Amino acid sequence: MDLAADLAVFYGPEFAREFTHAPTGVVFRAIFGVADQHALDGYAITAEFEIQYPSASVTLRDGDQVIDSGGDGVEAGTVWKVRENPMRINDGLESSVLLSRVNP
């Protein structure tokens, strides 16, 4: 089993899109997701934005900004702020991080 090949397919153009790490200019592919979160005993719904990406493609830290190439209802050029240090998943091959929109 070739995990690098599997990641290349998973993060290909069918499932992922490009983001640019603003501080370094590194372009990387990530899967963008939105999960609804219930607050106040289910009376209000907020959205959690996150990306999942190959850990080796970029080093993200809390407070960094990434620029979205657009898709899934998000305009190209949307800037996101990394809300926490990434969480490693799948034996550290991939990472996931929460985002907050910087510009509308």
C-alpha atoms as a PDB file:
ATOM      1  CA  MET A   1       0.000   0.000   0.000  1.00  0.00           C
ATOM      2  CA  ASP A   2       1.424   3.376  -1.083  1.00  0.00           C
ATOM      3  CA  LEU A   3       0.119   6.015   1.318  1.00  0.00           C
ATOM      4  CA  ALA A   4       1.725   8.889  -0.608  1.00  0.00           C
ATOM      5  CA  ALA A   5      -0.170   7.850  -3.752  1.00  0.00           C
ATOM      6  CA  ASP A   6      -3.392   7.545  -1.758  1.00  0.00           C
ATOM      7  CA  LEU A   7      -2.931  11.060  -0.364  1.00  0.00           C
ATOM      8  CA  ALA A   8      -2.246  12.420  -3.863  1.00  0.00           C
ATOM      9  CA  VAL A   9      -5.604  11.070  -5.046  1.00  0.00           C
ATOM     10  CA  PHE A  10      -7.461  12.193  -1.929  1.00  0.00           C
ATOM     11  CA  TYR A  11      -6.054  15.729  -2.207  1.00  0.00           C
ATOM     12  CA  GLY A  12      -6.476  15.921  -5.979  1.00  0.00           C
ATOM     13  CA  PRO A  13      -8.743  18.418  -7.759  1.00  0.00           C
ATOM     14  CA  GLU A  14     -11.895  16.335  -7.277  1.00  0.00           C
ATOM     15  CA  PHE A  15     -11.836  16.587  -3.498  1.00  0.00           C
ATOM     16  CA  ALA A  16      -9.482  19.423  -2.497  1.00  0.00           C
ATOM     17  CA  ARG A  17      -8.643  22.959  -3.528  1.00  0.00           C
ATOM     18  CA  GLU A  18      -5.644  25.259  -3.200  1.00  0.00           C
ATOM     19  CA  PHE A  19      -4.885  27.491  -0.265  1.00  0.00           C
ATOM     20  CA  THR A  20      -1.918  29.836   0.128  1.00  0.00           C
ATOM     21  CA  HIS A  21      -0.169  30.157   3.483  1.00  0.00           C
ATOM     22  CA  ALA A  22      -0.004  33.961   3.665  1.00  0.00           C
ATOM     23  CA  PRO A  23       3.167  34.291   5.791  1.00  0.00           C
ATOM     24  CA  THR A  24       5.299  32.053   3.541  1.00  0.00           C
ATOM     25  CA  GLY A  25       3.503  31.975   0.175  1.00  0.00           C
ATOM     26  CA  VAL A  26       3.413  28.162   0.245  1.00  0.00           C
ATOM     27  CA  VAL A  27       0.547  26.824  -1.859  1.00  0.00           C
ATOM     28  CA  PHE A  28      -1.029  23.608  -0.581  1.00  0.00           C
ATOM     29  CA  ARG A  29      -4.141  21.536  -1.251  1.00  0.00           C
ATOM     30  CA  ALA A  30      -6.752  21.021   1.445  1.00  0.00           C
ATOM     31  CA  ILE A  31     -10.260  19.739   1.860  1.00  0.00           C
ATOM     32  CA  PHE A  32     -12.557  22.477   3.153  1.00  0.00           C
ATOM     33  CA  GLY A  33     -15.407  21.549   5.451  1.00  0.00           C
ATOM     34  CA  VAL A  34     -18.235  23.223   7.301  1.00  0.00           C
ATOM     35  CA  ALA A  35     -19.857  21.563  10.290  1.00  0.00           C
ATOM     36  CA  ASP A  36     -22.905  23.003  12.018  1.00  0.00           C
ATOM     37  CA  GLN A  37     -22.556  23.328  15.754  1.00  0.00           C
ATOM     38  CA  HIS A  38     -25.489  23.714  18.122  1.00  0.00           C
ATOM     39  CA  ALA A  39     -25.233  26.289  20.880  1.00  0.00           C
ATOM     40  CA  LEU A  40     -27.525  27.344  23.718  1.00  0.00           C
ATOM     41  CA  ASP A  41     -29.235  23.964  24.083  1.00  0.00           C
ATOM     42  CA  GLY A  42     -29.849  23.626  20.357  1.00  0.00           C
ATOM     43  CA  TYR A  43     -31.512  27.017  19.847  1.00  0.00           C
ATOM     44  CA  ALA A  44     -28.732  28.609  17.812  1.00  0.00           C
ATOM     45  CA  ILE A  45     -26.635  27.118  15.092  1.00  0.00           C
ATOM     46  CA  THR A  46     -23.141  28.275  14.292  1.00  0.00           C
ATOM     47  CA  ALA A  47     -20.731  26.942  11.718  1.00  0.00           C
ATOM     48  CA  GLU A  48     -17.268  25.557  12.268  1.00  0.00           C
ATOM     49  CA  PHE A  49     -14.960  25.954   9.273  1.00  0.00           C
ATOM     50  CA  GLU A  50     -11.995  23.643   8.930  1.00  0.00           C
ATOM     51  CA  ILE A  51      -9.471  22.294   6.488  1.00  0.00           C
ATOM     52  CA  GLN A  52      -7.791  18.919   6.349  1.00  0.00           C
ATOM     53  CA  TYR A  53      -4.460  18.672   4.519  1.00  0.00           C
ATOM     54  CA  PRO A  54      -1.314  16.547   4.201  1.00  0.00           C
ATOM     55  CA  SER A  55       0.890  17.447   7.178  1.00  0.00           C
ATOM     56  CA  ALA A  56       4.066  17.559   5.092  1.00  0.00           C
ATOM     57  CA  SER A  57       2.658  20.165   2.682  1.00  0.00           C
ATOM     58  CA  VAL A  58       2.688  23.180   5.025  1.00  0.00           C
ATOM     59  CA  THR A  59       3.328  24.170   8.643  1.00  0.00           C
ATOM     60  CA  LEU A  60       0.366  26.053  10.082  1.00  0.00           C
ATOM     61  CA  ARG A  61       0.237  27.692  13.494  1.00  0.00           C
ATOM     62  CA  ASP A  62      -2.438  29.393  15.564  1.00  0.00           C
ATOM     63  CA  GLY A  63      -2.922  32.924  14.198  1.00  0.00           C
ATOM     64  CA  ASP A  64      -1.563  32.243  10.695  1.00  0.00           C
ATOM     65  CA  GLN A  65      -3.632  33.308   7.717  1.00  0.00           C
ATOM     66  CA  VAL A  66      -4.452  31.264   4.619  1.00  0.00           C
ATOM     67  CA  ILE A  67      -5.939  32.521   1.356  1.00  0.00           C
ATOM     68  CA  ASP A  68      -8.617  30.381  -0.251  1.00  0.00           C
ATOM     69  CA  SER A  69      -8.694  29.745  -4.013  1.00  0.00           C
ATOM     70  CA  GLY A  70     -12.480  29.487  -3.746  1.00  0.00           C
ATOM     71  CA  GLY A  71     -15.142  26.835  -4.107  1.00  0.00           C
ATOM     72  CA  ASP A  72     -18.047  25.314  -2.164  1.00  0.00           C
ATOM     73  CA  GLY A  73     -19.732  28.730  -1.985  1.00  0.00           C
ATOM     74  CA  VAL A  74     -16.571  30.533  -0.839  1.00  0.00           C
ATOM     75  CA  GLU A  75     -15.188  33.322  -3.041  1.00  0.00           C
ATOM     76  CA  ALA A  76     -11.625  33.154  -4.323  1.00  0.00           C
ATOM     77  CA  GLY A  77      -9.359  35.363  -2.241  1.00  0.00           C
ATOM     78  CA  THR A  78     -11.212  34.779   1.029  1.00  0.00           C
ATOM     79  CA  VAL A  79      -8.756  35.055   3.908  1.00  0.00           C
ATOM     80  CA  TRP A  80      -9.034  32.659   6.857  1.00  0.00           C
ATOM     81  CA  LYS A  81      -7.281  32.836  10.225  1.00  0.00           C
ATOM     82  CA  VAL A  82      -6.039  29.602  11.769  1.00  0.00           C
ATOM     83  CA  ARG A  83      -7.832  29.315  15.124  1.00  0.00           C
ATOM     84  CA  GLU A  84      -5.642  26.761  16.847  1.00  0.00           C
ATOM     85  CA  ASN A  85      -2.580  24.655  16.316  1.00  0.00           C
ATOM     86  CA  PRO A  86      -3.332  21.788  13.911  1.00  0.00           C
ATOM     87  CA  MET A  87      -4.508  18.414  15.160  1.00  0.00           C
ATOM     88  CA  ARG A  88      -2.626  15.503  13.600  1.00  0.00           C
ATOM     89  CA  ILE A  89      -4.747  12.664  12.256  1.00  0.00           C
ATOM     90  CA  ASN A  90      -4.112   9.357  10.466  1.00  0.00           C
ATOM     91  CA  ASP A  91      -0.777   8.698  12.181  1.00  0.00           C
ATOM     92  CA  GLY A  92       0.303  12.289  11.558  1.00  0.00           C
ATOM     93  CA  LEU A  93       0.153  12.047   7.756  1.00  0.00           C
ATOM     94  CA  GLU A  94      -2.713  14.527   7.735  1.00  0.00           C
ATOM     95  CA  SER A  95      -3.677  17.496   9.871  1.00  0.00           C
ATOM     96  CA  SER A  96      -6.909  19.321  10.569  1.00  0.00           C
ATOM     97  CA  VAL A  97      -7.355  22.881  11.775  1.00  0.00           C
ATOM     98  CA  LEU A  98     -10.289  25.212  12.538  1.00  0.00           C
ATOM     99  CA  LEU A  99     -10.590  28.495  10.649  1.00  0.00           C
ATOM    100  CA  SER A 100     -12.278  31.871  11.149  1.00  0.00           C
ATOM    101  CA  ARG A 101     -13.089  34.138   8.196  1.00  0.00           C
ATOM    102  CA  VAL A 102     -11.064  37.365   8.186  1.00  0.00           C
ATOM    103  CA  ASN A 103     -12.775  39.171   5.315  1.00  0.00           C
ATOM    104  CA  PRO A 104     -16.436  38.818   4.329  1.00  0.00           C
END
